[in-house]
All heavy atoms as atom14 arrays in JSON, in Angstrom:
{
  "sequence": "TAHSVGDGAVHELLDAYEEINTKHSIRDTRSCI",
  "atom14_mask": [
    [1, 1, 1, 1, 1, 1, 1, 0, 0, 0, 0, 0, 0, 0],
    [1, 1, 1, 1, 1, 0, 0, 0, 0, 0, 0, 0, 0, 0],
    [1, 1, 1, 1, 1, 1, 1, 1, 1, 1, 0, 0, 0, 0],
    [1, 1, 1, 1, 1, 1, 0, 0, 0, 0, 0, 0, 0, 0],
    [1, 1, 1, 1, 1, 1, 1, 0, 0, 0, 0, 0, 0, 0],
    [1, 1, 1, 1, 0, 0, 0, 0, 0, 0, 0, 0, 0, 0],
    [1, 1, 1, 1, 1, 1, 1, 1, 0, 0, 0, 0, 0, 0],
    [1, 1, 1, 1, 0, 0, 0, 0, 0, 0, 0, 0, 0, 0],
    [1, 1, 1, 1, 1, 0, 0, 0, 0, 0, 0, 0, 0, 0],
    [1, 1, 1, 1, 1, 1, 1, 0, 0, 0, 0, 0, 0, 0],
    [1, 1, 1, 1, 1, 1, 1, 1, 1, 1, 0, 0, 0, 0],
    [1, 1, 1, 1, 1, 1, 1, 1, 1, 0, 0, 0, 0, 0],
    [1, 1, 1, 1, 1, 1, 1, 1, 0, 0, 0, 0, 0, 0],
    [1, 1, 1, 1, 1, 1, 1, 1, 0, 0, 0, 0, 0, 0],
    [1, 1, 1, 1, 1, 1, 1, 1, 0, 0, 0, 0, 0, 0],
    [1, 1, 1, 1, 1, 0, 0, 0, 0, 0, 0, 0, 0, 0],
    [1, 1, 1, 1, 1, 1, 1, 1, 1, 1, 1, 1, 0, 0],
    [1, 1, 1, 1, 1, 1, 1, 1, 1, 0, 0, 0, 0, 0],
    [1, 1, 1, 1, 1, 1, 1, 1, 1, 0, 0, 0, 0, 0],
    [1, 1, 1, 1, 1, 1, 1, 1, 0, 0, 0, 0, 0, 0],
    [1, 1, 1, 1, 1, 1, 1, 1, 0, 0, 0, 0, 0, 0],
    [1, 1, 1, 1, 1, 1, 1, 0, 0, 0, 0, 0, 0, 0],
    [1, 1, 1, 1, 1, 1, 1, 1, 1, 0, 0, 0, 0, 0],
    [1, 1, 1, 1, 1, 1, 1, 1, 1, 1, 0, 0, 0, 0],
    [1, 1, 1, 1, 1, 1, 0, 0, 0, 0, 0, 0, 0, 0],
    [1, 1, 1, 1, 1, 1, 1, 1, 0, 0, 0, 0, 0, 0],
    [1, 1, 1, 1, 1, 1, 1, 1, 1, 1, 1, 0, 0, 0],
    [1, 1, 1, 1, 1, 1, 1, 1, 0, 0, 0, 0, 0, 0],
    [1, 1, 1, 1, 1, 1, 1, 0, 0, 0, 0, 0, 0, 0],
    [1, 1, 1, 1, 1, 1, 1, 1, 1, 1, 1, 0, 0, 0],
    [1, 1, 1, 1, 1, 1, 0, 0, 0, 0, 0, 0, 0, 0],
    [1, 1, 1, 1, 1, 1, 0, 0, 0, 0, 0, 0, 0, 0],
    [1, 1, 1, 1, 1, 1, 1, 1, 0, 0, 0, 0, 0, 0]
  ],
  "atom14_positions": [
    [[13.69, 101.42, -70.74], [13.43, 102.51, -71.68], [14.09, 102.2, -73.0], [15.03, 101.39, -73.07], [13.91, 103.88, -71.13], [13.33, 104.92, -71.92], [15.43, 104.02, -71.17], [0.0, 0.0, 0.0], [0.0, 0.0, 0.0], [0.0, 0.0, 0.0], [0.0, 0.0, 0.0], [0.0, 0.0, 0.0], [0.0, 0.0, 0.0], [0.0, 0.0, 0.0]],
    [[13.57, 102.81, -74.05], [14.11, 102.58, -75.39], [14.13, 103.91, -76.14], [13.16, 104.67, -76.1], [13.26, 101.56, -76.14], [0.0, 0.0, 0.0], [0.0, 0.0, 0.0], [0.0, 0.0, 0.0], [0.0, 0.0, 0.0], [0.0, 0.0, 0.0], [0.0, 0.0, 0.0], [0.0, 0.0, 0.0], [0.0, 0.0, 0.0], [0.0, 0.0, 0.0]],
    [[15.26, 104.15, -76.8], [15.36, 105.26, -77.75], [14.27, 105.04, -78.8], [14.31, 104.07, -79.55], [16.77, 105.22, -78.38], [16.93, 106.02, -79.63], [17.77, 107.1, -79.71], [16.42, 105.86, -80.88], [17.76, 107.58, -80.94], [16.94, 106.85, -81.67], [0.0, 0.0, 0.0], [0.0, 0.0, 0.0], [0.0, 0.0, 0.0], [0.0, 0.0, 0.0]],
    [[13.28, 105.93, -78.79], [12.13, 105.8, -79.7], [11.79, 107.2, -80.2], [11.13, 107.97, -79.51], [10.93, 105.19, -78.98], [11.28, 103.99, -78.33], [0.0, 0.0, 0.0], [0.0, 0.0, 0.0], [0.0, 0.0, 0.0], [0.0, 0.0, 0.0], [0.0, 0.0, 0.0], [0.0, 0.0, 0.0], [0.0, 0.0, 0.0], [0.0, 0.0, 0.0]],
    [[12.24, 107.52, -81.4], [12.11, 108.88, -81.92], [10.86, 109.03, -82.77], [10.08, 109.98, -82.61], [13.37, 109.26, -82.73], [13.17, 110.59, -83.43], [14.59, 109.3, -81.83], [0.0, 0.0, 0.0], [0.0, 0.0, 0.0], [0.0, 0.0, 0.0], [0.0, 0.0, 0.0], [0.0, 0.0, 0.0], [0.0, 0.0, 0.0], [0.0, 0.0, 0.0]],
    [[10.64, 108.11, -83.69], [9.5, 108.2, -84.6], [8.2, 107.76, -83.96], [8.2, 106.98, -83.0], [0.0, 0.0, 0.0], [0.0, 0.0, 0.0], [0.0, 0.0, 0.0], [0.0, 0.0, 0.0], [0.0, 0.0, 0.0], [0.0, 0.0, 0.0], [0.0, 0.0, 0.0], [0.0, 0.0, 0.0], [0.0, 0.0, 0.0], [0.0, 0.0, 0.0]],
    [[7.08, 108.22, -84.52], [5.78, 107.83, -83.95], [5.51, 106.34, -84.13], [4.76, 105.74, -83.34], [4.65, 108.68, -84.53], [4.57, 108.66, -86.05], [5.36, 107.95, -86.71], [3.69, 109.37, -86.6], [0.0, 0.0, 0.0], [0.0, 0.0, 0.0], [0.0, 0.0, 0.0], [0.0, 0.0, 0.0], [0.0, 0.0, 0.0], [0.0, 0.0, 0.0]],
    [[6.14, 105.73, -85.13], [6.0, 104.28, -85.29], [6.69, 103.52, -84.17], [6.15, 102.55, -83.63], [0.0, 0.0, 0.0], [0.0, 0.0, 0.0], [0.0, 0.0, 0.0], [0.0, 0.0, 0.0], [0.0, 0.0, 0.0], [0.0, 0.0, 0.0], [0.0, 0.0, 0.0], [0.0, 0.0, 0.0], [0.0, 0.0, 0.0], [0.0, 0.0, 0.0]],
    [[7.89, 103.97, -83.79], [8.63, 103.33, -82.7], [7.9, 103.55, -81.37], [7.8, 102.62, -80.55], [10.05, 103.87, -82.62], [0.0, 0.0, 0.0], [0.0, 0.0, 0.0], [0.0, 0.0, 0.0], [0.0, 0.0, 0.0], [0.0, 0.0, 0.0], [0.0, 0.0, 0.0], [0.0, 0.0, 0.0], [0.0, 0.0, 0.0], [0.0, 0.0, 0.0]],
    [[7.4, 104.75, -81.15], [6.65, 105.04, -79.92], [5.44, 104.13, -79.83], [5.13, 103.56, -78.77], [6.23, 106.53, -79.88], [5.23, 106.78, -78.75], [7.45, 107.43, -79.72], [0.0, 0.0, 0.0], [0.0, 0.0, 0.0], [0.0, 0.0, 0.0], [0.0, 0.0, 0.0], [0.0, 0.0, 0.0], [0.0, 0.0, 0.0], [0.0, 0.0, 0.0]],
    [[4.74, 103.97, -80.94], [3.54, 103.12, -80.98], [3.89, 101.66, -80.69], [3.19, 100.98, -79.92], [2.86, 103.26, -82.34], [1.46, 102.76, -82.38], [0.4, 103.45, -81.84], [0.94, 101.6, -82.88], [-0.71, 102.77, -82.02], [-0.42, 101.64, -82.65], [0.0, 0.0, 0.0], [0.0, 0.0, 0.0], [0.0, 0.0, 0.0], [0.0, 0.0, 0.0]],
    [[4.97, 101.18, -81.31], [5.41, 99.79, -81.09], [5.77, 99.57, -79.62], [5.42, 98.53, -79.04], [6.62, 99.47, -81.96], [6.33, 99.35, -83.45], [5.71, 98.01, -83.81], [5.81, 97.06, -83.02], [5.11, 97.93, -84.9], [0.0, 0.0, 0.0], [0.0, 0.0, 0.0], [0.0, 0.0, 0.0], [0.0, 0.0, 0.0], [0.0, 0.0, 0.0]],
    [[6.46, 100.53, -79.03], [6.88, 100.38, -77.63], [5.67, 100.39, -76.7], [5.59, 99.58, -75.76], [7.86, 101.5, -77.26], [8.48, 101.44, -75.87], [9.19, 100.11, -75.63], [9.44, 102.59, -75.65], [0.0, 0.0, 0.0], [0.0, 0.0, 0.0], [0.0, 0.0, 0.0], [0.0, 0.0, 0.0], [0.0, 0.0, 0.0], [0.0, 0.0, 0.0]],
    [[4.72, 101.26, -76.96], [3.51, 101.29, -76.13], [2.69, 100.01, -76.3], [2.09, 99.52, -75.33], [2.68, 102.52, -76.45], [3.21, 103.84, -75.85], [2.45, 105.03, -76.42], [3.13, 103.83, -74.33], [0.0, 0.0, 0.0], [0.0, 0.0, 0.0], [0.0, 0.0, 0.0], [0.0, 0.0, 0.0], [0.0, 0.0, 0.0], [0.0, 0.0, 0.0]],
    [[2.65, 99.47, -77.51], [1.98, 98.17, -77.72], [2.6, 97.11, -76.82], [1.9, 96.31, -76.18], [2.11, 97.74, -79.18], [1.1, 98.42, -80.09], [0.17, 99.09, -79.58], [1.25, 98.28, -81.33], [0.0, 0.0, 0.0], [0.0, 0.0, 0.0], [0.0, 0.0, 0.0], [0.0, 0.0, 0.0], [0.0, 0.0, 0.0], [0.0, 0.0, 0.0]],
    [[3.94, 97.1, -76.78], [4.65, 96.11, -75.97], [4.39, 96.33, -74.48], [4.12, 95.39, -73.72], [6.14, 96.16, -76.27], [0.0, 0.0, 0.0], [0.0, 0.0, 0.0], [0.0, 0.0, 0.0], [0.0, 0.0, 0.0], [0.0, 0.0, 0.0], [0.0, 0.0, 0.0], [0.0, 0.0, 0.0], [0.0, 0.0, 0.0], [0.0, 0.0, 0.0]],
    [[4.47, 97.59, -74.04], [4.18, 97.9, -72.64], [2.76, 97.48, -72.26], [2.52, 96.95, -71.17], [4.36, 99.39, -72.37], [5.79, 99.87, -72.22], [6.17, 101.14, -72.65], [6.76, 99.06, -71.62], [7.47, 101.6, -72.49], [8.07, 99.51, -71.47], [8.43, 100.78, -71.9], [9.72, 101.22, -71.74], [0.0, 0.0, 0.0], [0.0, 0.0, 0.0]],
    [[1.83, 97.74, -73.14], [0.43, 97.4, -72.88], [0.26, 95.9, -72.66], [-0.46, 95.46, -71.76], [-0.43, 97.87, -74.06], [-1.86, 98.17, -73.72], [-2.52, 99.0, -74.82], [-2.31, 98.7, -76.01], [-3.24, 99.96, -74.49], [0.0, 0.0, 0.0], [0.0, 0.0, 0.0], [0.0, 0.0, 0.0], [0.0, 0.0, 0.0], [0.0, 0.0, 0.0]],
    [[0.96, 95.11, -73.47], [0.87, 93.65, -73.34], [1.52, 93.18, -72.04], [0.95, 92.36, -71.31], [1.52, 92.98, -74.54], [1.37, 91.46, -74.53], [1.9, 90.83, -75.81], [1.66, 91.4, -76.9], [2.54, 89.76, -75.72], [0.0, 0.0, 0.0], [0.0, 0.0, 0.0], [0.0, 0.0, 0.0], [0.0, 0.0, 0.0], [0.0, 0.0, 0.0]],
    [[2.71, 93.67, -71.74], [3.39, 93.25, -70.51], [2.63, 93.71, -69.28], [2.63, 93.03, -68.24], [4.85, 93.8, -70.48], [5.65, 93.26, -71.68], [5.54, 93.44, -69.17], [5.7, 91.75, -71.78], [0.0, 0.0, 0.0], [0.0, 0.0, 0.0], [0.0, 0.0, 0.0], [0.0, 0.0, 0.0], [0.0, 0.0, 0.0], [0.0, 0.0, 0.0]],
    [[1.91, 94.81, -69.4], [1.14, 95.32, -68.26], [0.02, 94.37, -67.83], [-0.47, 94.45, -66.7], [0.54, 96.69, -68.62], [0.05, 97.45, -67.4], [0.82, 97.69, -66.47], [-1.22, 97.83, -67.4], [0.0, 0.0, 0.0], [0.0, 0.0, 0.0], [0.0, 0.0, 0.0], [0.0, 0.0, 0.0], [0.0, 0.0, 0.0], [0.0, 0.0, 0.0]],
    [[-0.37, 93.46, -68.7], [-1.36, 92.46, -68.31], [-0.75, 91.4, -67.41], [-1.47, 90.65, -66.74], [-1.97, 91.77, -69.56], [-0.94, 91.06, -70.26], [-2.6, 92.8, -70.49], [0.0, 0.0, 0.0], [0.0, 0.0, 0.0], [0.0, 0.0, 0.0], [0.0, 0.0, 0.0], [0.0, 0.0, 0.0], [0.0, 0.0, 0.0], [0.0, 0.0, 0.0]],
    [[0.59, 91.32, -67.37], [1.28, 90.35, -66.52], [1.73, 90.97, -65.2], [1.62, 90.36, -64.15], [2.51, 89.79, -67.26], [2.18, 89.11, -68.58], [3.41, 88.74, -69.36], [4.23, 87.68, -68.68], [5.37, 87.24, -69.53], [0.0, 0.0, 0.0], [0.0, 0.0, 0.0], [0.0, 0.0, 0.0], [0.0, 0.0, 0.0], [0.0, 0.0, 0.0]],
    [[2.27, 92.17, -65.26], [2.65, 92.9, -64.05], [2.7, 94.39, -64.37], [2.74, 94.78, -65.53], [4.01, 92.42, -63.5], [5.12, 92.47, -64.48], [5.56, 91.38, -65.18], [5.89, 93.5, -64.92], [6.55, 91.71, -65.98], [6.75, 93.0, -65.84], [0.0, 0.0, 0.0], [0.0, 0.0, 0.0], [0.0, 0.0, 0.0], [0.0, 0.0, 0.0]],
    [[2.69, 95.21, -63.32], [2.55, 96.65, -63.49], [3.73, 97.28, -64.2], [4.89, 97.13, -63.79], [2.37, 97.33, -62.12], [2.41, 98.74, -62.26], [0.0, 0.0, 0.0], [0.0, 0.0, 0.0], [0.0, 0.0, 0.0], [0.0, 0.0, 0.0], [0.0, 0.0, 0.0], [0.0, 0.0, 0.0], [0.0, 0.0, 0.0], [0.0, 0.0, 0.0]],
    [[3.44, 97.99, -65.27], [4.44, 98.78, -65.98], [4.67, 100.1, -65.23], [5.78, 100.62, -65.17], [3.96, 99.04, -67.42], [4.12, 97.77, -68.26], [4.7, 100.19, -68.06], [5.53, 97.27, -68.4], [0.0, 0.0, 0.0], [0.0, 0.0, 0.0], [0.0, 0.0, 0.0], [0.0, 0.0, 0.0], [0.0, 0.0, 0.0], [0.0, 0.0, 0.0]],
    [[3.62, 100.62, -64.64], [3.69, 101.9, -63.92], [4.69, 101.84, -62.77], [5.46, 102.78, -62.55], [2.3, 102.26, -63.38], [2.21, 103.61, -62.68], [0.82, 103.81, -62.08], [-0.22, 103.72, -63.09], [-0.67, 104.76, -63.79], [-0.16, 105.96, -63.57], [-1.62, 104.6, -64.69], [0.0, 0.0, 0.0], [0.0, 0.0, 0.0], [0.0, 0.0, 0.0]],
    [[4.7, 100.74, -62.02], [5.52, 100.65, -60.82], [7.01, 100.74, -61.11], [7.79, 101.15, -60.25], [5.23, 99.34, -60.07], [3.83, 99.33, -59.45], [3.2, 100.4, -59.4], [3.38, 98.24, -59.04], [0.0, 0.0, 0.0], [0.0, 0.0, 0.0], [0.0, 0.0, 0.0], [0.0, 0.0, 0.0], [0.0, 0.0, 0.0], [0.0, 0.0, 0.0]],
    [[7.43, 100.32, -62.3], [8.86, 100.33, -62.64], [9.26, 101.58, -63.43], [10.36, 101.65, -63.95], [9.24, 99.07, -63.43], [8.46, 98.99, -64.62], [9.02, 97.82, -62.59], [0.0, 0.0, 0.0], [0.0, 0.0, 0.0], [0.0, 0.0, 0.0], [0.0, 0.0, 0.0], [0.0, 0.0, 0.0], [0.0, 0.0, 0.0], [0.0, 0.0, 0.0]],
    [[8.35, 102.55, -63.5], [8.62, 103.83, -64.19], [9.04, 103.58, -65.65], [9.95, 104.25, -66.17], [9.68, 104.66, -63.48], [9.62, 104.63, -61.95], [8.48, 105.45, -61.39], [8.34, 105.22, -59.96], [8.81, 106.03, -59.02], [9.47, 107.11, -59.35], [8.62, 105.75, -57.74], [0.0, 0.0, 0.0], [0.0, 0.0, 0.0], [0.0, 0.0, 0.0]],
    [[8.39, 102.6, -66.29], [8.72, 102.31, -67.69], [8.67, 103.59, -68.5], [7.81, 104.46, -68.27], [7.75, 101.28, -68.25], [7.88, 100.07, -67.53], [0.0, 0.0, 0.0], [0.0, 0.0, 0.0], [0.0, 0.0, 0.0], [0.0, 0.0, 0.0], [0.0, 0.0, 0.0], [0.0, 0.0, 0.0], [0.0, 0.0, 0.0], [0.0, 0.0, 0.0]],
    [[9.56, 103.72, -69.46], [9.83, 105.03, -70.05], [9.96, 104.95, -71.57], [10.21, 103.87, -72.14], [11.11, 105.59, -69.43], [11.41, 107.34, -69.74], [0.0, 0.0, 0.0], [0.0, 0.0, 0.0], [0.0, 0.0, 0.0], [0.0, 0.0, 0.0], [0.0, 0.0, 0.0], [0.0, 0.0, 0.0], [0.0, 0.0, 0.0], [0.0, 0.0, 0.0]],
    [[9.74, 106.07, -72.21], [10.05, 106.25, -73.64], [11.09, 107.35, -73.73], [10.86, 108.47, -73.27], [8.81, 106.66, -74.46], [7.63, 105.72, -74.19], [9.15, 106.67, -75.95], [6.33, 106.19, -74.82], [0.0, 0.0, 0.0], [0.0, 0.0, 0.0], [0.0, 0.0, 0.0], [0.0, 0.0, 0.0], [0.0, 0.0, 0.0], [0.0, 0.0, 0.0]]
  ]
}
C-alpha cells in the first residue's frame, strides 16, 4: 500500500498495479491505496 492522497498519485499507483497484474494477481495480495 502507498499513502496516495491526490488523484494524480492514485492514478499513478493504479497504473503500476495494472502493469504488475499482468505478471501476477494484485487482487490476491489485497493490494491497497
